[in-house]
Amino acid sequence: MLNLQKGIYFISGIDPDIGKTVATGIIAKQLLDQGVSIITQKLVQTGNDGCSEDIAKHRQLMQKNDLPEDSEGLTAPQIFKYPASPHLATRLEDTHLDLEKITSATQVLAERYDVVLLEGAGGLMVPLNTDLLTIEYVAQHNYPLILVTSGRLGSINHTLLSLYALKQFGVSLHSIVFNAIHDAQDEVIAGDTRQYLQQKMIAMFPQAQWLELPKVEL
C-alpha cells in the first residue's frame, strides 16, 4: 500500500497498455479505505466521445458512482475521438490541446480533495502537442510520478528508459507499481524482472516506494 501525502501525483506507464487505469483505480480505492479524501483525473482522453472510459473505470474500481466533478468536466477536461496521441488526435479534429484548462481543472480538484491522481495518456514521451512532451508537462508542474510496469518480456528495457528519462528531466519518482497481470506469460522472466527493477529503483531513486498491484477481475 502506497504512502501518499497531500498533493497531486502523476501516474504514467512504460507503454500504453501496461495498466495505468487499473492501477489508478486500485490505488484510489486503497486510499479511500484509509479515509483519504481522493479523486482521480485523466490528463487527456483520446478514443472517446463525450465522456472518459478511463474515469468510468476508476469509479468502478473505487466502487463509486459518478462524482460531481465528473459531471462538471473537471476529471476529464479534454476528450478527443481518435485513439491516438493527443498531438495527432487534436490535429485530426482541427483543434488544439487546452493546457491551461487542464491545469486549472487539476488545481480545482486539489482544492477540493487532499490527493489527486492524475493519469496520463500513454507513456512519458507521448507528445501532448508538437512542442511539449508529457514528461515536460510533469516536470513543469513538479508532480511526483508513479510509474506502472510489469513482468512481461521487454519491461526491463522500457522501465529503465523511463527511469533515466525521469533523471534527465528532473522528475521525482514517488513509486513503481508492478502490475503482475502478465506474470503467467513467463514466470521466470517475471520473477527476474521484479527483482531486477526493485534493485534498480533502490539504486536510482532510494526514496521511492514499490507496490505490487493485485490481480483484479475486470
N, C-alpha and C. Protein backbone atom coordinates (compact mmCIF):
# COMPACT_ATOMS: atom_id res chain seq x y z
N MET A 1 0.84 -1.19 0.00
CA MET A 1 0.00 0.00 0.00
C MET A 1 0.88 1.25 0.00
N LEU A 2 0.57 2.18 -0.91
CA LEU A 2 1.40 3.37 -1.04
C LEU A 2 1.11 4.37 0.06
N ASN A 3 2.15 5.08 0.45
CA ASN A 3 2.02 6.18 1.40
C ASN A 3 2.08 7.49 0.62
N LEU A 4 0.94 8.15 0.50
CA LEU A 4 0.86 9.40 -0.25
C LEU A 4 0.49 10.54 0.67
N GLN A 5 1.29 11.60 0.62
CA GLN A 5 0.98 12.81 1.34
C GLN A 5 0.00 13.65 0.50
N LYS A 6 -0.52 14.71 1.07
CA LYS A 6 -1.44 15.57 0.34
C LYS A 6 -0.75 16.15 -0.89
N GLY A 7 -1.43 16.10 -2.03
CA GLY A 7 -0.86 16.66 -3.24
C GLY A 7 -1.37 16.01 -4.50
N ILE A 8 -0.74 16.35 -5.61
CA ILE A 8 -1.09 15.85 -6.94
C ILE A 8 -0.01 14.87 -7.38
N TYR A 9 -0.42 13.69 -7.81
CA TYR A 9 0.52 12.66 -8.25
C TYR A 9 0.19 12.27 -9.69
N PHE A 10 1.21 12.25 -10.52
CA PHE A 10 1.02 11.89 -11.93
C PHE A 10 1.30 10.40 -12.10
N ILE A 11 0.37 9.69 -12.74
CA ILE A 11 0.53 8.26 -12.97
C ILE A 11 0.80 8.03 -14.45
N SER A 12 1.95 7.44 -14.73
CA SER A 12 2.33 7.11 -16.10
C SER A 12 2.71 5.64 -16.15
N GLY A 13 3.01 5.16 -17.36
CA GLY A 13 3.37 3.76 -17.53
C GLY A 13 4.47 3.62 -18.55
N ILE A 14 5.02 2.42 -18.62
CA ILE A 14 6.12 2.19 -19.55
C ILE A 14 5.64 2.03 -20.99
N ASP A 15 4.34 1.78 -21.18
CA ASP A 15 3.73 1.76 -22.51
C ASP A 15 2.22 1.93 -22.35
N PRO A 16 1.48 2.10 -23.45
CA PRO A 16 0.06 2.43 -23.32
C PRO A 16 -0.81 1.35 -22.68
N ASP A 17 -0.41 0.10 -22.74
CA ASP A 17 -1.28 -0.99 -22.29
C ASP A 17 -0.76 -1.69 -21.04
N ILE A 18 -0.07 -0.96 -20.19
CA ILE A 18 0.58 -1.56 -19.03
C ILE A 18 -0.35 -1.65 -17.82
N GLY A 19 -1.45 -0.90 -17.83
CA GLY A 19 -2.39 -0.97 -16.72
C GLY A 19 -2.48 0.27 -15.88
N LYS A 20 -2.22 1.45 -16.46
CA LYS A 20 -2.29 2.70 -15.70
C LYS A 20 -3.67 2.94 -15.11
N THR A 21 -4.69 2.70 -15.93
CA THR A 21 -6.06 2.98 -15.49
C THR A 21 -6.45 2.10 -14.31
N VAL A 22 -6.13 0.81 -14.41
CA VAL A 22 -6.43 -0.11 -13.31
C VAL A 22 -5.63 0.27 -12.07
N ALA A 23 -4.36 0.59 -12.26
CA ALA A 23 -3.52 0.99 -11.12
C ALA A 23 -4.08 2.23 -10.45
N THR A 24 -4.49 3.20 -11.25
CA THR A 24 -5.05 4.43 -10.69
C THR A 24 -6.30 4.14 -9.86
N GLY A 25 -7.19 3.32 -10.40
CA GLY A 25 -8.41 3.00 -9.69
C GLY A 25 -8.18 2.22 -8.41
N ILE A 26 -7.25 1.26 -8.45
CA ILE A 26 -6.97 0.44 -7.26
C ILE A 26 -6.30 1.27 -6.16
N ILE A 27 -5.34 2.11 -6.55
CA ILE A 27 -4.69 2.98 -5.56
C ILE A 27 -5.71 3.92 -4.93
N ALA A 28 -6.60 4.47 -5.77
CA ALA A 28 -7.63 5.36 -5.25
C ALA A 28 -8.53 4.63 -4.25
N LYS A 29 -8.89 3.39 -4.56
CA LYS A 29 -9.74 2.61 -3.64
C LYS A 29 -9.02 2.34 -2.32
N GLN A 30 -7.74 2.02 -2.39
CA GLN A 30 -6.97 1.78 -1.17
C GLN A 30 -6.93 3.03 -0.30
N LEU A 31 -6.76 4.18 -0.94
CA LEU A 31 -6.73 5.43 -0.19
C LEU A 31 -8.09 5.76 0.41
N LEU A 32 -9.14 5.50 -0.36
CA LEU A 32 -10.49 5.70 0.17
C LEU A 32 -10.71 4.86 1.42
N ASP A 33 -10.25 3.62 1.36
CA ASP A 33 -10.42 2.71 2.50
C ASP A 33 -9.65 3.19 3.73
N GLN A 34 -8.61 4.02 3.49
CA GLN A 34 -7.85 4.60 4.60
C GLN A 34 -8.47 5.90 5.10
N GLY A 35 -9.54 6.32 4.45
CA GLY A 35 -10.19 7.55 4.85
C GLY A 35 -9.61 8.80 4.22
N VAL A 36 -8.82 8.61 3.16
CA VAL A 36 -8.20 9.74 2.47
C VAL A 36 -9.21 10.38 1.51
N SER A 37 -9.22 11.71 1.46
CA SER A 37 -10.03 12.44 0.50
C SER A 37 -9.30 12.41 -0.84
N ILE A 38 -9.81 11.64 -1.81
CA ILE A 38 -9.08 11.31 -3.03
C ILE A 38 -9.99 11.43 -4.25
N ILE A 39 -9.44 11.91 -5.35
CA ILE A 39 -10.14 11.91 -6.63
C ILE A 39 -9.13 11.61 -7.73
N THR A 40 -9.61 11.07 -8.83
CA THR A 40 -8.76 10.79 -9.98
C THR A 40 -9.12 11.73 -11.13
N GLN A 41 -8.14 11.93 -11.99
CA GLN A 41 -8.33 12.79 -13.16
C GLN A 41 -7.58 12.17 -14.34
N LYS A 42 -8.08 12.39 -15.54
CA LYS A 42 -7.41 11.97 -16.76
C LYS A 42 -6.85 13.21 -17.45
N LEU A 43 -5.54 13.23 -17.66
CA LEU A 43 -4.90 14.39 -18.27
C LEU A 43 -5.52 14.71 -19.62
N VAL A 44 -5.52 13.72 -20.51
CA VAL A 44 -6.14 13.83 -21.83
C VAL A 44 -6.75 12.47 -22.16
N GLN A 45 -7.98 12.46 -22.61
CA GLN A 45 -8.63 11.22 -23.02
C GLN A 45 -8.79 11.22 -24.54
N THR A 46 -8.24 10.21 -25.19
CA THR A 46 -8.45 10.05 -26.62
C THR A 46 -9.18 8.73 -26.86
N GLY A 47 -9.79 8.64 -28.03
CA GLY A 47 -10.53 7.42 -28.37
C GLY A 47 -11.91 7.36 -27.76
N ASN A 48 -12.39 8.47 -27.22
CA ASN A 48 -13.72 8.54 -26.61
C ASN A 48 -14.47 9.76 -27.16
N ASP A 49 -15.78 9.74 -26.98
CA ASP A 49 -16.62 10.83 -27.45
C ASP A 49 -17.55 11.26 -26.33
N GLY A 50 -17.27 12.40 -25.73
CA GLY A 50 -18.17 12.96 -24.74
C GLY A 50 -17.88 12.61 -23.30
N CYS A 51 -17.41 11.40 -23.05
CA CYS A 51 -17.08 11.00 -21.68
C CYS A 51 -15.84 10.12 -21.70
N SER A 52 -15.22 9.99 -20.56
CA SER A 52 -13.95 9.26 -20.45
C SER A 52 -14.18 7.85 -19.92
N GLU A 53 -13.82 6.86 -20.72
CA GLU A 53 -13.91 5.47 -20.29
C GLU A 53 -12.94 5.19 -19.14
N ASP A 54 -11.81 5.88 -19.13
CA ASP A 54 -10.83 5.65 -18.06
C ASP A 54 -11.36 6.15 -16.72
N ILE A 55 -12.00 7.31 -16.72
CA ILE A 55 -12.60 7.81 -15.48
C ILE A 55 -13.70 6.86 -15.01
N ALA A 56 -14.48 6.35 -15.94
CA ALA A 56 -15.53 5.39 -15.58
C ALA A 56 -14.93 4.14 -14.94
N LYS A 57 -13.79 3.69 -15.47
CA LYS A 57 -13.12 2.52 -14.89
C LYS A 57 -12.59 2.84 -13.50
N HIS A 58 -12.05 4.05 -13.32
CA HIS A 58 -11.62 4.47 -11.98
C HIS A 58 -12.77 4.34 -10.98
N ARG A 59 -13.93 4.88 -11.36
CA ARG A 59 -15.07 4.88 -10.44
C ARG A 59 -15.52 3.45 -10.13
N GLN A 60 -15.49 2.60 -11.15
CA GLN A 60 -15.87 1.20 -10.93
C GLN A 60 -14.95 0.54 -9.91
N LEU A 61 -13.65 0.74 -10.07
CA LEU A 61 -12.68 0.14 -9.16
C LEU A 61 -12.75 0.78 -7.76
N MET A 62 -13.11 2.05 -7.71
CA MET A 62 -13.28 2.74 -6.44
C MET A 62 -14.61 2.39 -5.77
N GLN A 63 -15.47 1.67 -6.53
CA GLN A 63 -16.82 1.34 -6.07
C GLN A 63 -17.61 2.61 -5.76
N LYS A 64 -17.49 3.55 -6.70
CA LYS A 64 -18.16 4.83 -6.59
C LYS A 64 -19.01 5.08 -7.84
N ASN A 65 -20.12 5.78 -7.66
CA ASN A 65 -20.85 6.31 -8.80
C ASN A 65 -20.13 7.55 -9.31
N ASP A 66 -20.63 8.12 -10.40
CA ASP A 66 -20.02 9.34 -10.91
C ASP A 66 -19.99 10.41 -9.81
N LEU A 67 -18.90 11.14 -9.76
CA LEU A 67 -18.75 12.21 -8.79
C LEU A 67 -19.21 13.53 -9.40
N PRO A 68 -19.56 14.51 -8.58
CA PRO A 68 -19.97 15.82 -9.13
C PRO A 68 -18.92 16.41 -10.07
N GLU A 69 -17.65 16.19 -9.75
CA GLU A 69 -16.57 16.72 -10.58
C GLU A 69 -16.53 16.07 -11.97
N ASP A 70 -17.04 14.84 -12.06
CA ASP A 70 -17.13 14.19 -13.37
C ASP A 70 -18.14 14.93 -14.24
N SER A 71 -19.29 15.25 -13.66
CA SER A 71 -20.33 15.97 -14.40
C SER A 71 -19.90 17.38 -14.76
N GLU A 72 -19.04 17.96 -13.92
CA GLU A 72 -18.54 19.31 -14.19
C GLU A 72 -17.47 19.34 -15.28
N GLY A 73 -16.98 18.18 -15.67
CA GLY A 73 -15.93 18.12 -16.68
C GLY A 73 -14.54 18.35 -16.14
N LEU A 74 -14.39 18.33 -14.83
CA LEU A 74 -13.08 18.60 -14.23
C LEU A 74 -12.16 17.39 -14.28
N THR A 75 -12.71 16.19 -14.25
CA THR A 75 -11.87 15.00 -14.18
C THR A 75 -11.41 14.51 -15.56
N ALA A 76 -12.04 15.00 -16.60
CA ALA A 76 -11.59 14.69 -17.97
C ALA A 76 -11.83 15.94 -18.81
N PRO A 77 -11.02 16.98 -18.60
CA PRO A 77 -11.29 18.27 -19.23
C PRO A 77 -11.04 18.31 -20.73
N GLN A 78 -10.31 17.32 -21.26
CA GLN A 78 -10.02 17.30 -22.70
C GLN A 78 -10.24 15.88 -23.23
N ILE A 79 -11.25 15.72 -24.11
CA ILE A 79 -11.60 14.42 -24.67
C ILE A 79 -11.63 14.55 -26.19
N PHE A 80 -10.97 13.60 -26.87
CA PHE A 80 -10.92 13.61 -28.33
C PHE A 80 -11.27 12.23 -28.88
N LYS A 81 -11.84 12.20 -30.04
CA LYS A 81 -12.43 10.97 -30.56
C LYS A 81 -11.40 9.96 -31.07
N TYR A 82 -10.36 10.43 -31.72
CA TYR A 82 -9.46 9.48 -32.38
C TYR A 82 -8.50 8.85 -31.37
N PRO A 83 -8.36 7.51 -31.39
CA PRO A 83 -7.50 6.82 -30.42
C PRO A 83 -6.02 6.93 -30.79
N ALA A 84 -5.46 8.08 -30.50
CA ALA A 84 -4.06 8.34 -30.84
C ALA A 84 -3.47 9.26 -29.78
N SER A 85 -2.18 9.57 -29.93
CA SER A 85 -1.56 10.52 -29.01
C SER A 85 -2.25 11.88 -29.16
N PRO A 86 -2.26 12.69 -28.11
CA PRO A 86 -3.00 13.95 -28.15
C PRO A 86 -2.62 14.87 -29.30
N HIS A 87 -1.34 14.90 -29.67
CA HIS A 87 -0.93 15.83 -30.74
C HIS A 87 -1.59 15.46 -32.06
N LEU A 88 -1.81 14.16 -32.30
CA LEU A 88 -2.46 13.73 -33.53
C LEU A 88 -3.98 13.82 -33.42
N ALA A 89 -4.52 13.40 -32.28
CA ALA A 89 -5.98 13.43 -32.09
C ALA A 89 -6.53 14.84 -32.24
N THR A 90 -5.81 15.82 -31.70
CA THR A 90 -6.27 17.21 -31.82
C THR A 90 -6.14 17.71 -33.25
N ARG A 91 -5.08 17.32 -33.93
CA ARG A 91 -4.90 17.76 -35.31
C ARG A 91 -6.01 17.23 -36.20
N LEU A 92 -6.42 15.98 -35.96
CA LEU A 92 -7.46 15.38 -36.78
C LEU A 92 -8.81 16.05 -36.55
N GLU A 93 -9.00 16.67 -35.39
CA GLU A 93 -10.23 17.39 -35.11
C GLU A 93 -10.08 18.89 -35.38
N ASP A 94 -8.93 19.26 -35.94
CA ASP A 94 -8.65 20.67 -36.27
C ASP A 94 -8.84 21.57 -35.06
N THR A 95 -8.25 21.13 -33.95
CA THR A 95 -8.33 21.91 -32.72
C THR A 95 -6.97 21.87 -32.04
N HIS A 96 -6.90 22.26 -30.78
CA HIS A 96 -5.65 22.23 -30.05
C HIS A 96 -5.91 21.75 -28.63
N LEU A 97 -4.85 21.36 -27.97
CA LEU A 97 -4.96 20.93 -26.58
C LEU A 97 -4.90 22.16 -25.68
N ASP A 98 -5.94 22.33 -24.86
CA ASP A 98 -6.01 23.49 -23.97
C ASP A 98 -5.34 23.13 -22.65
N LEU A 99 -4.05 23.37 -22.57
CA LEU A 99 -3.28 23.01 -21.39
C LEU A 99 -3.68 23.83 -20.17
N GLU A 100 -4.05 25.09 -20.39
CA GLU A 100 -4.49 25.92 -19.27
C GLU A 100 -5.78 25.37 -18.66
N LYS A 101 -6.67 24.86 -19.48
CA LYS A 101 -7.91 24.27 -18.99
C LYS A 101 -7.61 23.03 -18.14
N ILE A 102 -6.67 22.21 -18.59
CA ILE A 102 -6.29 21.01 -17.84
C ILE A 102 -5.69 21.39 -16.49
N THR A 103 -4.73 22.30 -16.52
CA THR A 103 -4.05 22.70 -15.28
C THR A 103 -5.02 23.34 -14.30
N SER A 104 -5.92 24.17 -14.82
CA SER A 104 -6.91 24.81 -13.97
C SER A 104 -7.83 23.78 -13.32
N ALA A 105 -8.25 22.77 -14.08
CA ALA A 105 -9.11 21.72 -13.54
C ALA A 105 -8.39 20.94 -12.45
N THR A 106 -7.12 20.66 -12.66
CA THR A 106 -6.33 19.94 -11.65
C THR A 106 -6.25 20.74 -10.37
N GLN A 107 -6.05 22.04 -10.48
CA GLN A 107 -5.94 22.88 -9.29
C GLN A 107 -7.26 22.95 -8.52
N VAL A 108 -8.37 22.99 -9.25
CA VAL A 108 -9.68 22.98 -8.59
C VAL A 108 -9.87 21.68 -7.81
N LEU A 109 -9.50 20.56 -8.42
CA LEU A 109 -9.61 19.27 -7.74
C LEU A 109 -8.72 19.23 -6.50
N ALA A 110 -7.51 19.80 -6.62
CA ALA A 110 -6.58 19.80 -5.50
C ALA A 110 -7.08 20.66 -4.34
N GLU A 111 -7.92 21.65 -4.65
CA GLU A 111 -8.51 22.48 -3.60
C GLU A 111 -9.65 21.74 -2.89
N ARG A 112 -10.27 20.81 -3.58
CA ARG A 112 -11.42 20.10 -3.01
C ARG A 112 -11.03 18.78 -2.33
N TYR A 113 -9.92 18.19 -2.77
CA TYR A 113 -9.51 16.88 -2.27
C TYR A 113 -8.06 16.95 -1.79
N ASP A 114 -7.71 16.06 -0.88
CA ASP A 114 -6.34 16.02 -0.37
C ASP A 114 -5.37 15.42 -1.38
N VAL A 115 -5.83 14.39 -2.13
CA VAL A 115 -4.97 13.72 -3.10
C VAL A 115 -5.66 13.68 -4.46
N VAL A 116 -4.92 14.07 -5.49
CA VAL A 116 -5.38 13.95 -6.88
C VAL A 116 -4.44 13.00 -7.59
N LEU A 117 -5.00 11.94 -8.17
CA LEU A 117 -4.22 11.02 -9.00
C LEU A 117 -4.50 11.37 -10.45
N LEU A 118 -3.50 11.89 -11.13
CA LEU A 118 -3.63 12.40 -12.49
C LEU A 118 -3.03 11.39 -13.47
N GLU A 119 -3.90 10.66 -14.16
CA GLU A 119 -3.43 9.62 -15.10
C GLU A 119 -3.11 10.22 -16.46
N GLY A 120 -1.94 9.91 -16.95
CA GLY A 120 -1.53 10.39 -18.26
C GLY A 120 -2.10 9.57 -19.39
N ALA A 121 -1.75 9.96 -20.60
CA ALA A 121 -2.14 9.23 -21.81
C ALA A 121 -0.90 8.59 -22.39
N GLY A 122 -0.83 7.25 -22.34
CA GLY A 122 0.36 6.58 -22.84
C GLY A 122 1.54 6.76 -21.89
N GLY A 123 2.74 6.77 -22.46
CA GLY A 123 3.96 6.84 -21.67
C GLY A 123 4.50 8.25 -21.52
N LEU A 124 5.68 8.35 -20.94
CA LEU A 124 6.27 9.64 -20.61
C LEU A 124 6.63 10.48 -21.82
N MET A 125 6.97 9.84 -22.92
CA MET A 125 7.42 10.58 -24.10
C MET A 125 6.30 10.85 -25.10
N VAL A 126 5.07 10.61 -24.71
CA VAL A 126 3.95 10.91 -25.60
C VAL A 126 3.85 12.42 -25.80
N PRO A 127 3.78 12.88 -27.04
CA PRO A 127 3.65 14.33 -27.28
C PRO A 127 2.24 14.82 -27.02
N LEU A 128 2.13 15.84 -26.17
CA LEU A 128 0.83 16.47 -25.94
C LEU A 128 0.48 17.40 -27.09
N ASN A 129 1.48 18.08 -27.59
CA ASN A 129 1.35 18.84 -28.84
C ASN A 129 2.71 18.77 -29.52
N THR A 130 2.90 19.50 -30.59
CA THR A 130 4.15 19.40 -31.33
C THR A 130 5.34 19.95 -30.56
N ASP A 131 5.08 20.71 -29.50
CA ASP A 131 6.16 21.35 -28.75
C ASP A 131 6.38 20.80 -27.35
N LEU A 132 5.48 19.96 -26.85
CA LEU A 132 5.54 19.58 -25.45
C LEU A 132 5.30 18.08 -25.26
N LEU A 133 6.25 17.43 -24.60
CA LEU A 133 6.10 16.01 -24.24
C LEU A 133 5.42 15.91 -22.88
N THR A 134 4.82 14.76 -22.63
CA THR A 134 4.16 14.52 -21.35
C THR A 134 5.13 14.73 -20.19
N ILE A 135 6.34 14.20 -20.31
CA ILE A 135 7.30 14.32 -19.21
C ILE A 135 7.69 15.77 -18.97
N GLU A 136 7.68 16.59 -20.00
CA GLU A 136 7.98 18.01 -19.82
C GLU A 136 6.84 18.70 -19.07
N TYR A 137 5.61 18.31 -19.35
CA TYR A 137 4.47 18.86 -18.61
C TYR A 137 4.57 18.49 -17.13
N VAL A 138 4.91 17.23 -16.85
CA VAL A 138 5.06 16.78 -15.47
C VAL A 138 6.17 17.56 -14.77
N ALA A 139 7.29 17.76 -15.45
CA ALA A 139 8.41 18.49 -14.87
C ALA A 139 8.04 19.95 -14.60
N GLN A 140 7.32 20.57 -15.52
CA GLN A 140 6.92 21.96 -15.35
C GLN A 140 6.10 22.17 -14.08
N HIS A 141 5.28 21.18 -13.75
CA HIS A 141 4.38 21.30 -12.60
C HIS A 141 4.92 20.60 -11.35
N ASN A 142 6.09 20.01 -11.49
CA ASN A 142 6.75 19.39 -10.34
C ASN A 142 5.89 18.31 -9.68
N TYR A 143 5.19 17.54 -10.50
CA TYR A 143 4.36 16.47 -9.97
C TYR A 143 5.22 15.25 -9.64
N PRO A 144 5.12 14.67 -8.45
CA PRO A 144 5.76 13.38 -8.19
C PRO A 144 5.13 12.32 -9.11
N LEU A 145 5.93 11.38 -9.57
CA LEU A 145 5.46 10.42 -10.56
C LEU A 145 5.33 9.02 -9.99
N ILE A 146 4.24 8.37 -10.34
CA ILE A 146 4.02 6.95 -10.05
C ILE A 146 4.11 6.22 -11.38
N LEU A 147 5.05 5.28 -11.50
CA LEU A 147 5.31 4.60 -12.77
C LEU A 147 4.80 3.17 -12.71
N VAL A 148 3.96 2.80 -13.66
CA VAL A 148 3.40 1.45 -13.73
C VAL A 148 4.22 0.60 -14.70
N THR A 149 4.63 -0.58 -14.23
CA THR A 149 5.39 -1.51 -15.05
C THR A 149 4.83 -2.92 -14.87
N SER A 150 5.50 -3.91 -15.45
CA SER A 150 5.04 -5.29 -15.31
C SER A 150 6.22 -6.24 -15.49
N GLY A 151 5.93 -7.53 -15.44
CA GLY A 151 6.99 -8.53 -15.56
C GLY A 151 7.08 -9.18 -16.92
N ARG A 152 6.41 -8.63 -17.90
CA ARG A 152 6.47 -9.26 -19.22
C ARG A 152 7.79 -8.93 -19.91
N LEU A 153 8.11 -9.73 -20.91
CA LEU A 153 9.35 -9.55 -21.66
C LEU A 153 9.40 -8.14 -22.26
N GLY A 154 10.50 -7.44 -22.04
CA GLY A 154 10.66 -6.07 -22.53
C GLY A 154 10.47 -5.02 -21.47
N SER A 155 9.91 -5.42 -20.33
CA SER A 155 9.62 -4.42 -19.30
C SER A 155 10.87 -3.82 -18.68
N ILE A 156 11.93 -4.61 -18.58
CA ILE A 156 13.17 -4.06 -18.02
C ILE A 156 13.66 -2.90 -18.89
N ASN A 157 13.73 -3.15 -20.18
CA ASN A 157 14.19 -2.11 -21.10
C ASN A 157 13.32 -0.85 -21.01
N HIS A 158 12.02 -1.03 -21.10
CA HIS A 158 11.12 0.12 -21.11
C HIS A 158 11.11 0.85 -19.77
N THR A 159 11.22 0.10 -18.69
CA THR A 159 11.24 0.73 -17.37
C THR A 159 12.51 1.54 -17.16
N LEU A 160 13.64 0.98 -17.55
CA LEU A 160 14.91 1.70 -17.38
C LEU A 160 14.95 2.96 -18.24
N LEU A 161 14.43 2.88 -19.45
CA LEU A 161 14.35 4.08 -20.28
C LEU A 161 13.52 5.16 -19.59
N SER A 162 12.43 4.75 -18.96
CA SER A 162 11.58 5.71 -18.24
C SER A 162 12.31 6.29 -17.04
N LEU A 163 13.01 5.46 -16.29
CA LEU A 163 13.73 5.94 -15.10
C LEU A 163 14.84 6.92 -15.48
N TYR A 164 15.57 6.60 -16.53
CA TYR A 164 16.63 7.52 -16.95
C TYR A 164 16.04 8.82 -17.50
N ALA A 165 14.87 8.75 -18.13
CA ALA A 165 14.21 9.97 -18.59
C ALA A 165 13.80 10.84 -17.40
N LEU A 166 13.32 10.20 -16.33
CA LEU A 166 12.96 10.97 -15.14
C LEU A 166 14.17 11.71 -14.58
N LYS A 167 15.30 11.03 -14.56
CA LYS A 167 16.54 11.67 -14.11
C LYS A 167 16.89 12.86 -15.00
N GLN A 168 16.80 12.66 -16.31
CA GLN A 168 17.19 13.70 -17.25
C GLN A 168 16.32 14.94 -17.12
N PHE A 169 15.02 14.74 -16.87
CA PHE A 169 14.09 15.88 -16.81
C PHE A 169 13.86 16.37 -15.39
N GLY A 170 14.54 15.75 -14.42
CA GLY A 170 14.44 16.22 -13.04
C GLY A 170 13.10 15.95 -12.39
N VAL A 171 12.46 14.84 -12.77
CA VAL A 171 11.17 14.47 -12.21
C VAL A 171 11.37 13.52 -11.04
N SER A 172 10.67 13.75 -9.95
CA SER A 172 10.77 12.92 -8.76
C SER A 172 9.93 11.65 -8.92
N LEU A 173 10.54 10.50 -8.68
CA LEU A 173 9.81 9.23 -8.71
C LEU A 173 9.27 8.95 -7.32
N HIS A 174 7.95 8.93 -7.20
CA HIS A 174 7.35 8.59 -5.92
C HIS A 174 7.34 7.08 -5.71
N SER A 175 7.00 6.33 -6.77
CA SER A 175 6.86 4.89 -6.61
C SER A 175 6.81 4.18 -7.96
N ILE A 176 7.12 2.90 -7.92
CA ILE A 176 6.90 2.00 -9.05
C ILE A 176 5.79 1.04 -8.66
N VAL A 177 4.81 0.90 -9.53
CA VAL A 177 3.72 -0.04 -9.32
C VAL A 177 3.92 -1.21 -10.27
N PHE A 178 4.13 -2.39 -9.71
CA PHE A 178 4.38 -3.59 -10.51
C PHE A 178 3.05 -4.31 -10.73
N ASN A 179 2.61 -4.32 -11.99
CA ASN A 179 1.37 -4.98 -12.36
C ASN A 179 1.66 -6.44 -12.71
N ALA A 180 1.20 -7.35 -11.85
CA ALA A 180 1.52 -8.78 -12.01
C ALA A 180 0.62 -9.50 -12.99
N ILE A 181 -0.23 -8.76 -13.70
CA ILE A 181 -1.21 -9.41 -14.56
C ILE A 181 -0.56 -10.23 -15.68
N HIS A 182 0.66 -9.86 -16.07
CA HIS A 182 1.33 -10.57 -17.16
C HIS A 182 2.27 -11.68 -16.67
N ASP A 183 2.36 -11.90 -15.37
CA ASP A 183 3.34 -12.83 -14.83
C ASP A 183 3.19 -14.25 -15.39
N ALA A 184 1.96 -14.65 -15.64
CA ALA A 184 1.71 -16.02 -16.09
C ALA A 184 2.27 -16.29 -17.48
N GLN A 185 2.57 -15.24 -18.25
CA GLN A 185 3.14 -15.44 -19.58
C GLN A 185 4.49 -16.13 -19.49
N ASP A 186 5.29 -15.79 -18.51
CA ASP A 186 6.58 -16.45 -18.25
C ASP A 186 6.99 -16.09 -16.83
N GLU A 187 6.77 -17.00 -15.91
CA GLU A 187 7.01 -16.71 -14.50
C GLU A 187 8.50 -16.51 -14.20
N VAL A 188 9.37 -17.14 -14.98
CA VAL A 188 10.81 -16.97 -14.78
C VAL A 188 11.21 -15.54 -15.12
N ILE A 189 10.76 -15.07 -16.29
CA ILE A 189 11.06 -13.70 -16.70
C ILE A 189 10.44 -12.70 -15.72
N ALA A 190 9.19 -12.95 -15.33
CA ALA A 190 8.50 -12.04 -14.42
C ALA A 190 9.22 -11.92 -13.08
N GLY A 191 9.66 -13.05 -12.55
CA GLY A 191 10.36 -13.04 -11.26
C GLY A 191 11.67 -12.30 -11.33
N ASP A 192 12.42 -12.55 -12.39
CA ASP A 192 13.70 -11.86 -12.55
C ASP A 192 13.49 -10.37 -12.77
N THR A 193 12.47 -10.01 -13.58
CA THR A 193 12.18 -8.60 -13.84
C THR A 193 11.83 -7.87 -12.55
N ARG A 194 11.01 -8.49 -11.74
CA ARG A 194 10.60 -7.89 -10.46
C ARG A 194 11.84 -7.60 -9.60
N GLN A 195 12.70 -8.58 -9.44
CA GLN A 195 13.89 -8.44 -8.60
C GLN A 195 14.84 -7.39 -9.17
N TYR A 196 15.06 -7.44 -10.47
CA TYR A 196 16.00 -6.51 -11.11
C TYR A 196 15.51 -5.06 -10.97
N LEU A 197 14.23 -4.84 -11.23
CA LEU A 197 13.71 -3.48 -11.17
C LEU A 197 13.67 -2.94 -9.75
N GLN A 198 13.41 -3.79 -8.78
CA GLN A 198 13.46 -3.34 -7.40
C GLN A 198 14.86 -2.85 -7.04
N GLN A 199 15.87 -3.60 -7.47
CA GLN A 199 17.25 -3.21 -7.18
C GLN A 199 17.60 -1.89 -7.88
N LYS A 200 17.16 -1.75 -9.12
CA LYS A 200 17.44 -0.52 -9.87
C LYS A 200 16.74 0.69 -9.24
N MET A 201 15.52 0.48 -8.80
CA MET A 201 14.78 1.57 -8.17
C MET A 201 15.50 2.05 -6.92
N ILE A 202 15.95 1.11 -6.10
CA ILE A 202 16.65 1.46 -4.86
C ILE A 202 17.94 2.22 -5.18
N ALA A 203 18.64 1.79 -6.23
CA ALA A 203 19.91 2.42 -6.59
C ALA A 203 19.71 3.82 -7.17
N MET A 204 18.66 3.99 -8.00
CA MET A 204 18.47 5.26 -8.70
C MET A 204 17.58 6.23 -7.94
N PHE A 205 16.57 5.71 -7.25
CA PHE A 205 15.62 6.54 -6.51
C PHE A 205 15.39 5.90 -5.14
N PRO A 206 16.35 6.03 -4.24
CA PRO A 206 16.29 5.30 -2.96
C PRO A 206 15.09 5.67 -2.09
N GLN A 207 14.47 6.82 -2.31
CA GLN A 207 13.31 7.22 -1.51
C GLN A 207 11.99 6.69 -2.07
N ALA A 208 12.04 6.12 -3.26
CA ALA A 208 10.80 5.68 -3.92
C ALA A 208 10.24 4.42 -3.27
N GLN A 209 8.95 4.23 -3.44
CA GLN A 209 8.25 3.07 -2.90
C GLN A 209 7.98 2.05 -4.00
N TRP A 210 7.79 0.81 -3.59
CA TRP A 210 7.45 -0.29 -4.51
C TRP A 210 6.09 -0.84 -4.12
N LEU A 211 5.19 -0.97 -5.10
CA LEU A 211 3.86 -1.51 -4.84
C LEU A 211 3.57 -2.65 -5.80
N GLU A 212 3.08 -3.77 -5.26
CA GLU A 212 2.61 -4.88 -6.08
C GLU A 212 1.12 -4.70 -6.33
N LEU A 213 0.73 -4.61 -7.59
CA LEU A 213 -0.67 -4.42 -7.92
C LEU A 213 -1.39 -5.76 -7.91
N PRO A 214 -2.43 -5.91 -7.11
CA PRO A 214 -3.16 -7.18 -7.08
C PRO A 214 -3.89 -7.41 -8.39
N LYS A 215 -4.05 -8.67 -8.76
CA LYS A 215 -4.80 -9.01 -9.95
C LYS A 215 -6.28 -8.80 -9.66
N VAL A 216 -6.97 -8.16 -10.60
CA VAL A 216 -8.39 -7.89 -10.41
C VAL A 216 -9.17 -8.44 -11.61
N GLU A 217 -10.39 -8.85 -11.34
CA GLU A 217 -11.28 -9.30 -12.40
C GLU A 217 -12.04 -8.09 -12.94
N LEU A 218 -11.86 -7.82 -14.23
CA LEU A 218 -12.49 -6.64 -14.84
C LEU A 218 -13.70 -7.05 -15.67
